[in-house]
Amino acid sequence: MNIDLVKYLSERMHDEYHELKDPGPVVTISREYGCAAKAIAKRLTEELTKKMMVKGVEMSWHYITKEIMAESARELELDPSKIRYVFQYEQKGIIDEVLSAQFTKYYKSDRKIRSTIARVIRNIACEGYVVIVGRGGVSIAHDILKSLHVMLEAPLEWRSLRISEKFNMTQEEARLECLDIDKKRQQFRDSFQGKNTDYTWYDLTLNCMTLSVDEIVKIIIKAVEVKKLL
C-alpha cells in the first residue's frame, strides 16, 4: 500500500536524524529503465501485509517512491521544484550554485539538498516495514541488518521495445534513452555511497523479461522469509 508520507513521518519520526536500536525491516528495489518496479512494489507490500495479518501482527507494509522528494523539500523549506533536478539525475553547475547563492533567499547548496534526501531515506528505512523504490535506497540502507536489496534488470532490446511502445518513440531512440537513464541512476546511487563500492551489491538480481510480476513478488517474499524480515 502507498501512504501519505508527510503524515507518516510527522507521526512516527523525529525532525532530527536518529537510529533505532533495531532498524528495519526494509526492502530496496533498484531497477534498469523499463522494468516495472512500482507495480512490483505495490503487489509486494500488499502480500507482505497479508502475511503479517496471518501472523496476528497489525502492521502494514508500504512502498515509497516520489514522495521522498516532497518530504525532503519540506525539511529544506523549499518548493519541490527546486530539488527536482536531483531526482532527474542532474547536477548543478558551479555558475548555477553561485547565482542561486546570491539571488535566492532560501538558497540551499547541492550538498545540503543531497544530504537531506539521504537522511529522509535513511529514517524511512530505519522505521521499517517499507519497500523503497530507487532513490539510492541500496546505498543508504545497505548496513541495516533487517534489509533485502533487489535489482530488476532485463535485456536492453526488450526494455527498448517496451519504452518505444509506451512513449511512442523509435526503438533506437528508446535504446539511447535506456542507456542514458541507466547511467544516471548509477551515478545517483554512487553519489550516496561512492563509485564501485561493495556496499551497492544486491541480494537478488531478477530478470523482468523472463519472470512475471507475480513470480518476482513470490521470489522476493521467499527471500524476505529466509532472511527473517517478517
C-alpha atoms as a PDB file:
ATOM      1  CA  MET A   1       0.000   0.000   0.000  1.00  0.00           C
ATOM      2  CA  ASN A   2       1.120   3.573  -0.560  1.00  0.00           C
ATOM      3  CA  ILE A   3       0.862   6.275   2.127  1.00  0.00           C
ATOM      4  CA  ASP A   4       0.736   9.975   2.897  1.00  0.00           C
ATOM      5  CA  LEU A   5       4.473  10.275   3.545  1.00  0.00           C
ATOM      6  CA  VAL A   6       4.360  13.651   5.299  1.00  0.00           C
ATOM      7  CA  LYS A   7       1.690  12.424   7.725  1.00  0.00           C
ATOM      8  CA  TYR A   8       3.575   9.179   8.267  1.00  0.00           C
ATOM      9  CA  LEU A   9       6.820  10.950   9.070  1.00  0.00           C
ATOM     10  CA  SER A  10       5.233  13.509  11.359  1.00  0.00           C
ATOM     11  CA  GLU A  11       3.576  10.767  13.392  1.00  0.00           C
ATOM     12  CA  ARG A  12       6.437   8.287  13.592  1.00  0.00           C
ATOM     13  CA  MET A  13       9.708  10.182  13.215  1.00  0.00           C
ATOM     14  CA  HIS A  14      11.637  12.983  14.883  1.00  0.00           C
ATOM     15  CA  ASP A  15      12.841  16.036  12.976  1.00  0.00           C
ATOM     16  CA  GLU A  16      16.473  15.192  13.669  1.00  0.00           C
ATOM     17  CA  TYR A  17      18.315  12.183  12.289  1.00  0.00           C
ATOM     18  CA  HIS A  18      18.160   9.176  14.584  1.00  0.00           C
ATOM     19  CA  GLU A  19      18.960   5.482  14.629  1.00  0.00           C
ATOM     20  CA  LEU A  20      16.648   2.879  16.110  1.00  0.00           C
ATOM     21  CA  LYS A  21      18.037   0.053  18.204  1.00  0.00           C
ATOM     22  CA  ASP A  22      16.563  -2.476  15.797  1.00  0.00           C
ATOM     23  CA  PRO A  23      16.096  -0.702  12.436  1.00  0.00           C
ATOM     24  CA  GLY A  24      14.085  -2.173   9.583  1.00  0.00           C
ATOM     25  CA  PRO A  25      12.842  -4.356   8.068  1.00  0.00           C
ATOM     26  CA  VAL A  26      13.292  -2.694   4.692  1.00  0.00           C
ATOM     27  CA  VAL A  27      13.361  -3.894   1.085  1.00  0.00           C
ATOM     28  CA  THR A  28      15.020  -1.731  -1.544  1.00  0.00           C
ATOM     29  CA  ILE A  29      14.261  -2.171  -5.232  1.00  0.00           C
ATOM     30  CA  SER A  30      16.650  -0.760  -7.808  1.00  0.00           C
ATOM     31  CA  ARG A  31      15.943  -1.170 -11.492  1.00  0.00           C
ATOM     32  CA  GLU A  32      17.112  -0.692 -15.016  1.00  0.00           C
ATOM     33  CA  TYR A  33      14.990   1.717 -17.026  1.00  0.00           C
ATOM     34  CA  GLY A  34      11.989  -0.084 -18.493  1.00  0.00           C
ATOM     35  CA  CYS A  35      11.476  -2.535 -15.617  1.00  0.00           C
ATOM     36  CA  ALA A  36       8.153  -2.204 -13.783  1.00  0.00           C
ATOM     37  CA  ALA A  37       9.380  -1.583 -10.249  1.00  0.00           C
ATOM     38  CA  LYS A  38       6.336   0.308  -8.967  1.00  0.00           C
ATOM     39  CA  ALA A  39       3.892  -2.452  -9.938  1.00  0.00           C
ATOM     40  CA  ILE A  40       6.107  -4.976  -8.187  1.00  0.00           C
ATOM     41  CA  ALA A  41       6.439  -2.801  -5.070  1.00  0.00           C
ATOM     42  CA  LYS A  42       2.678  -2.321  -4.851  1.00  0.00           C
ATOM     43  CA  ARG A  43       1.954  -6.041  -5.128  1.00  0.00           C
ATOM     44  CA  LEU A  44       4.801  -6.877  -2.760  1.00  0.00           C
ATOM     45  CA  THR A  45       3.578  -4.612   0.043  1.00  0.00           C
ATOM     46  CA  GLU A  46       0.057  -5.985  -0.309  1.00  0.00           C
ATOM     47  CA  GLU A  47       1.290  -9.563   0.035  1.00  0.00           C
ATOM     48  CA  LEU A  48       3.665  -8.771   2.911  1.00  0.00           C
ATOM     49  CA  THR A  49       0.854  -7.044   4.793  1.00  0.00           C
ATOM     50  CA  LYS A  50      -1.361 -10.112   4.336  1.00  0.00           C
ATOM     51  CA  LYS A  51       1.378 -12.307   5.783  1.00  0.00           C
ATOM     52  CA  MET A  52       1.682 -10.008   8.790  1.00  0.00           C
ATOM     53  CA  MET A  53      -2.064 -10.297   9.374  1.00  0.00           C
ATOM     54  CA  VAL A  54      -1.869 -14.103   9.233  1.00  0.00           C
ATOM     55  CA  LYS A  55       0.772 -13.917  11.959  1.00  0.00           C
ATOM     56  CA  GLY A  56      -1.600 -11.780  14.016  1.00  0.00           C
ATOM     57  CA  VAL A  57       0.571  -8.672  13.673  1.00  0.00           C
ATOM     58  CA  GLU A  58      -1.274  -5.441  12.881  1.00  0.00           C
ATOM     59  CA  MET A  59       1.489  -3.827  10.850  1.00  0.00           C
ATOM     60  CA  SER A  60       1.140  -2.712   7.240  1.00  0.00           C
ATOM     61  CA  TRP A  61       3.973  -2.596   4.753  1.00  0.00           C
ATOM     62  CA  HIS A  62       4.077   0.423   2.435  1.00  0.00           C
ATOM     63  CA  TYR A  63       6.118   1.481  -0.556  1.00  0.00           C
ATOM     64  CA  ILE A  64       7.891   4.789  -1.126  1.00  0.00           C
ATOM     65  CA  THR A  65       8.799   6.359  -4.469  1.00  0.00           C
ATOM     66  CA  LYS A  66       8.447  10.014  -5.448  1.00  0.00           C
ATOM     67  CA  GLU A  67       7.089  11.026  -2.030  1.00  0.00           C
ATOM     68  CA  ILE A  68      10.688  11.294  -0.850  1.00  0.00           C
ATOM     69  CA  MET A  69      11.105  14.471  -2.893  1.00  0.00           C
ATOM     70  CA  ALA A  70       8.113  16.116  -1.185  1.00  0.00           C
ATOM     71  CA  GLU A  71       9.354  15.288   2.308  1.00  0.00           C
ATOM     72  CA  SER A  72      12.929  16.373   1.514  1.00  0.00           C
ATOM     73  CA  ALA A  73      11.645  19.690   0.160  1.00  0.00           C
ATOM     74  CA  ARG A  74       9.543  20.187   3.294  1.00  0.00           C
ATOM     75  CA  GLU A  75      12.559  19.712   5.548  1.00  0.00           C
ATOM     76  CA  LEU A  76      14.598  22.095   3.409  1.00  0.00           C
ATOM     77  CA  GLU A  77      11.724  24.624   3.353  1.00  0.00           C
ATOM     78  CA  LEU A  78      11.878  24.683  -0.430  1.00  0.00           C
ATOM     79  CA  ASP A  79       9.377  24.181  -3.207  1.00  0.00           C
ATOM     80  CA  PRO A  80       9.767  20.608  -4.572  1.00  0.00           C
ATOM     81  CA  SER A  81      10.586  22.085  -7.989  1.00  0.00           C
ATOM     82  CA  LYS A  82      13.853  23.424  -6.512  1.00  0.00           C
ATOM     83  CA  ILE A  83      15.189  19.954  -5.798  1.00  0.00           C
ATOM     84  CA  ARG A  84      13.577  18.069  -8.689  1.00  0.00           C
ATOM     85  CA  TYR A  85      16.862  18.181 -10.611  1.00  0.00           C
ATOM     86  CA  VAL A  86      18.380  15.693  -8.150  1.00  0.00           C
ATOM     87  CA  PHE A  87      15.633  13.129  -8.835  1.00  0.00           C
ATOM     88  CA  GLN A  88      16.029  13.747 -12.548  1.00  0.00           C
ATOM     89  CA  TYR A  89      19.666  12.712 -12.126  1.00  0.00           C
ATOM     90  CA  GLU A  90      21.061  16.155 -12.939  1.00  0.00           C
ATOM     91  CA  GLN A  91      23.961  18.077 -11.423  1.00  0.00           C
ATOM     92  CA  LYS A  92      24.115  21.755 -10.543  1.00  0.00           C
ATOM     93  CA  GLY A  93      26.868  23.624 -12.334  1.00  0.00           C
ATOM     94  CA  ILE A  94      29.226  25.957 -10.480  1.00  0.00           C
ATOM     95  CA  ILE A  95      27.634  29.004 -12.115  1.00  0.00           C
ATOM     96  CA  ASP A  96      24.160  27.856 -11.058  1.00  0.00           C
ATOM     97  CA  GLU A  97      25.397  27.444  -7.483  1.00  0.00           C
ATOM     98  CA  VAL A  98      26.909  30.921  -7.387  1.00  0.00           C
ATOM     99  CA  LEU A  99      23.869  32.634  -8.892  1.00  0.00           C
ATOM    100  CA  SER A 100      21.470  30.782  -6.612  1.00  0.00           C
ATOM    101  CA  ALA A 101      23.504  31.669  -3.530  1.00  0.00           C
ATOM    102  CA  GLN A 102      23.485  35.350  -4.457  1.00  0.00           C
ATOM    103  CA  PHE A 103      19.931  35.844  -5.639  1.00  0.00           C
ATOM    104  CA  THR A 104      17.803  33.177  -3.936  1.00  0.00           C
ATOM    105  CA  LYS A 105      16.591  33.989  -0.436  1.00  0.00           C
ATOM    106  CA  TYR A 106      16.171  30.380   0.609  1.00  0.00           C
ATOM    107  CA  TYR A 107      19.282  29.043  -1.120  1.00  0.00           C
ATOM    108  CA  LYS A 108      20.416  25.536  -0.170  1.00  0.00           C
ATOM    109  CA  SER A 109      23.634  24.066  -1.510  1.00  0.00           C
ATOM    110  CA  ASP A 110      23.619  20.929  -3.629  1.00  0.00           C
ATOM    111  CA  ARG A 111      25.437  19.119  -0.828  1.00  0.00           C
ATOM    112  CA  LYS A 112      22.805  20.183   1.718  1.00  0.00           C
ATOM    113  CA  ILE A 113      19.987  19.041  -0.574  1.00  0.00           C
ATOM    114  CA  ARG A 114      21.549  15.635  -1.188  1.00  0.00           C
ATOM    115  CA  SER A 115      22.393  15.075   2.477  1.00  0.00           C
ATOM    116  CA  THR A 116      18.806  15.890   3.431  1.00  0.00           C
ATOM    117  CA  ILE A 117      17.474  13.439   0.846  1.00  0.00           C
ATOM    118  CA  ALA A 118      19.810  10.769   2.225  1.00  0.00           C
ATOM    119  CA  ARG A 119      18.664  11.464   5.800  1.00  0.00           C
ATOM    120  CA  VAL A 120      14.986  11.249   4.834  1.00  0.00           C
ATOM    121  CA  ILE A 121      15.540   7.919   3.070  1.00  0.00           C
ATOM    122  CA  ARG A 122      17.625   6.596   5.950  1.00  0.00           C
ATOM    123  CA  ASN A 123      14.990   7.498   8.527  1.00  0.00           C
ATOM    124  CA  ILE A 124      12.264   5.842   6.458  1.00  0.00           C
ATOM    125  CA  ALA A 125      14.390   2.688   6.127  1.00  0.00           C
ATOM    126  CA  CYS A 126      15.101   2.592   9.867  1.00  0.00           C
ATOM    127  CA  GLU A 127      11.407   2.942  10.739  1.00  0.00           C
ATOM    128  CA  GLY A 128      10.868  -0.269   8.777  1.00  0.00           C
ATOM    129  CA  TYR A 129       8.098  -2.220   7.078  1.00  0.00           C
ATOM    130  CA  VAL A 130       8.821  -0.316   3.909  1.00  0.00           C
ATOM    131  CA  VAL A 131       9.777  -1.003   0.296  1.00  0.00           C
ATOM    132  CA  ILE A 132      11.926   1.804  -1.136  1.00  0.00           C
ATOM    133  CA  VAL A 133      11.851   2.028  -4.920  1.00  0.00           C
ATOM    134  CA  GLY A 134      15.014   3.565  -6.355  1.00  0.00           C
ATOM    135  CA  ARG A 135      16.230   6.833  -4.785  1.00  0.00           C
ATOM    136  CA  GLY A 136      19.601   5.325  -3.880  1.00  0.00           C
ATOM    137  CA  GLY A 137      17.974   3.097  -1.262  1.00  0.00           C
ATOM    138  CA  VAL A 138      20.510   0.281  -1.642  1.00  0.00           C
ATOM    139  CA  SER A 139      23.383   2.681  -0.935  1.00  0.00           C
ATOM    140  CA  ILE A 140      21.737   4.319   2.063  1.00  0.00           C
ATOM    141  CA  ALA A 141      20.272   1.216   3.736  1.00  0.00           C
ATOM    142  CA  HIS A 142      22.953  -1.364   2.905  1.00  0.00           C
ATOM    143  CA  ASP A 143      24.154  -1.753   6.510  1.00  0.00           C
ATOM    144  CA  ILE A 144      20.720  -2.328   8.082  1.00  0.00           C
ATOM    145  CA  LEU A 145      20.698  -5.961   9.189  1.00  0.00           C
ATOM    146  CA  LYS A 146      16.992  -6.412   8.526  1.00  0.00           C
ATOM    147  CA  SER A 147      17.197  -5.467   4.875  1.00  0.00           C
ATOM    148  CA  LEU A 148      16.909  -7.060   1.460  1.00  0.00           C
ATOM    149  CA  HIS A 149      18.208  -5.407  -1.702  1.00  0.00           C
ATOM    150  CA  VAL A 150      16.770  -6.309  -5.094  1.00  0.00           C
ATOM    151  CA  MET A 151      17.864  -5.337  -8.593  1.00  0.00           C
ATOM    152  CA  LEU A 152      15.436  -5.628 -11.509  1.00  0.00           C
ATOM    153  CA  GLU A 153      17.040  -5.985 -14.922  1.00  0.00           C
ATOM    154  CA  ALA A 154      16.225  -7.115 -18.438  1.00  0.00           C
ATOM    155  CA  PRO A 155      17.948  -7.218 -21.832  1.00  0.00           C
ATOM    156  CA  LEU A 156      18.368  -3.794 -23.407  1.00  0.00           C
ATOM    157  CA  GLU A 157      16.408  -4.644 -26.562  1.00  0.00           C
ATOM    158  CA  TRP A 158      13.428  -5.875 -24.540  1.00  0.00           C
ATOM    159  CA  ARG A 159      13.417  -2.720 -22.436  1.00  0.00           C
ATOM    160  CA  SER A 160      13.820  -0.543 -25.528  1.00  0.00           C
ATOM    161  CA  LEU A 161      10.781  -2.121 -27.142  1.00  0.00           C
ATOM    162  CA  ARG A 162       8.660  -1.500 -24.029  1.00  0.00           C
ATOM    163  CA  ILE A 163       9.767   2.128 -23.795  1.00  0.00           C
ATOM    164  CA  SER A 164       9.266   2.782 -27.510  1.00  0.00           C
ATOM    165  CA  GLU A 165       5.690   1.476 -27.299  1.00  0.00           C
ATOM    166  CA  LYS A 166       4.897   3.335 -24.077  1.00  0.00           C
ATOM    167  CA  PHE A 167       6.242   6.724 -25.160  1.00  0.00           C
ATOM    168  CA  ASN A 168       5.680   6.483 -28.920  1.00  0.00           C
ATOM    169  CA  MET A 169       9.329   6.762 -29.966  1.00  0.00           C
ATOM    170  CA  THR A 170      11.538   4.744 -32.275  1.00  0.00           C
ATOM    171  CA  GLN A 171      13.271   1.741 -30.790  1.00  0.00           C
ATOM    172  CA  GLU A 172      16.665   3.365 -31.377  1.00  0.00           C
ATOM    173  CA  GLU A 173      15.546   6.484 -29.510  1.00  0.00           C
ATOM    174  CA  ALA A 174      14.256   4.255 -26.721  1.00  0.00           C
ATOM    175  CA  ARG A 175      17.532   2.309 -26.626  1.00  0.00           C
ATOM    176  CA  LEU A 176      19.542   5.508 -26.181  1.00  0.00           C
ATOM    177  CA  GLU A 177      17.067   6.682 -23.542  1.00  0.00           C
ATOM    178  CA  CYS A 178      17.527   3.428 -21.606  1.00  0.00           C
ATOM    179  CA  LEU A 179      21.312   3.710 -21.699  1.00  0.00           C
ATOM    180  CA  ASP A 180      21.188   7.344 -20.593  1.00  0.00           C
ATOM    181  CA  ILE A 181      18.790   6.778 -17.669  1.00  0.00           C
ATOM    182  CA  ASP A 182      20.654   3.635 -16.548  1.00  0.00           C
ATOM    183  CA  LYS A 183      23.892   5.620 -16.402  1.00  0.00           C
ATOM    184  CA  LYS A 184      22.299   8.495 -14.487  1.00  0.00           C
ATOM    185  CA  ARG A 185      20.654   6.158 -11.984  1.00  0.00           C
ATOM    186  CA  GLN A 186      24.000   4.501 -11.295  1.00  0.00           C
ATOM    187  CA  GLN A 187      25.599   7.904 -10.773  1.00  0.00           C
ATOM    188  CA  PHE A 188      22.749   8.787  -8.394  1.00  0.00           C
ATOM    189  CA  ARG A 189      23.460   5.664  -6.308  1.00  0.00           C
ATOM    190  CA  ASP A 190      27.191   6.359  -6.418  1.00  0.00           C
ATOM    191  CA  SER A 191      26.639   9.898  -5.126  1.00  0.00           C
ATOM    192  CA  PHE A 192      25.401   8.470  -1.821  1.00  0.00           C
ATOM    193  CA  GLN A 193      27.916   5.689  -1.272  1.00  0.00           C
ATOM    194  CA  GLY A 194      30.839   6.093  -3.649  1.00  0.00           C
ATOM    195  CA  LYS A 195      31.571   4.587  -7.030  1.00  0.00           C
ATOM    196  CA  ASN A 196      32.005   0.818  -7.377  1.00  0.00           C
ATOM    197  CA  THR A 197      31.839   0.053  -3.656  1.00  0.00           C
ATOM    198  CA  ASP A 198      30.958  -3.327  -2.226  1.00  0.00           C
ATOM    199  CA  TYR A 199      28.036  -1.695  -0.421  1.00  0.00           C
ATOM    200  CA  THR A 200      25.928  -1.384  -3.552  1.00  0.00           C
ATOM    201  CA  TRP A 201      25.798  -5.090  -4.339  1.00  0.00           C
ATOM    202  CA  TYR A 202      22.367  -6.724  -4.362  1.00  0.00           C
ATOM    203  CA  ASP A 203      20.958  -9.777  -2.607  1.00  0.00           C
ATOM    204  CA  LEU A 204      18.768 -10.644  -5.602  1.00  0.00           C
ATOM    205  CA  THR A 205      19.006  -9.785  -9.292  1.00  0.00           C
ATOM    206  CA  LEU A 206      15.849 -10.685 -11.200  1.00  0.00           C
ATOM    207  CA  ASN A 207      15.138 -10.717 -14.943  1.00  0.00           C
ATOM    208  CA  CYS A 208      11.903  -8.886 -15.793  1.00  0.00           C
ATOM    209  CA  MET A 209      11.856 -10.360 -19.288  1.00  0.00           C
ATOM    210  CA  THR A 210      11.648 -13.982 -18.150  1.00  0.00           C
ATOM    211  CA  LEU A 211       9.761 -13.520 -14.860  1.00  0.00           C
ATOM    212  CA  SER A 212       6.247 -12.126 -14.421  1.00  0.00           C
ATOM    213  CA  VAL A 213       5.334  -9.588 -11.732  1.00  0.00           C
ATOM    214  CA  ASP A 214       3.686 -12.363  -9.689  1.00  0.00           C
ATOM    215  CA  GLU A 215       6.762 -14.588  -9.969  1.00  0.00           C
ATOM    216  CA  ILE A 216       9.101 -11.777  -8.958  1.00  0.00           C
ATOM    217  CA  VAL A 217       6.932 -10.929  -5.949  1.00  0.00           C
ATOM    218  CA  LYS A 218       6.886 -14.568  -4.843  1.00  0.00           C
ATOM    219  CA  ILE A 219      10.682 -14.790  -5.107  1.00  0.00           C
ATOM    220  CA  ILE A 220      11.184 -11.598  -3.099  1.00  0.00           C
ATOM    221  CA  ILE A 221       8.744 -12.769  -0.414  1.00  0.00           C
ATOM    222  CA  LYS A 222      10.604 -16.068  -0.133  1.00  0.00           C
ATOM    223  CA  ALA A 223      13.863 -14.166   0.334  1.00  0.00           C
ATOM    224  CA  VAL A 224      12.201 -11.922   2.952  1.00  0.00           C
ATOM    225  CA  GLU A 225      11.128 -15.045   4.847  1.00  0.00           C
ATOM    226  CA  VAL A 226      14.554 -16.694   4.550  1.00  0.00           C
ATOM    227  CA  LYS A 227      16.202 -13.541   5.938  1.00  0.00           C
ATOM    228  CA  LYS A 228      13.581 -13.423   8.716  1.00  0.00           C
ATOM    229  CA  LEU A 229      12.390  -9.923   7.913  1.00  0.00           C
ATOM    230  CA  LEU A 230       8.750 -10.736   8.735  1.00  0.00           C
END
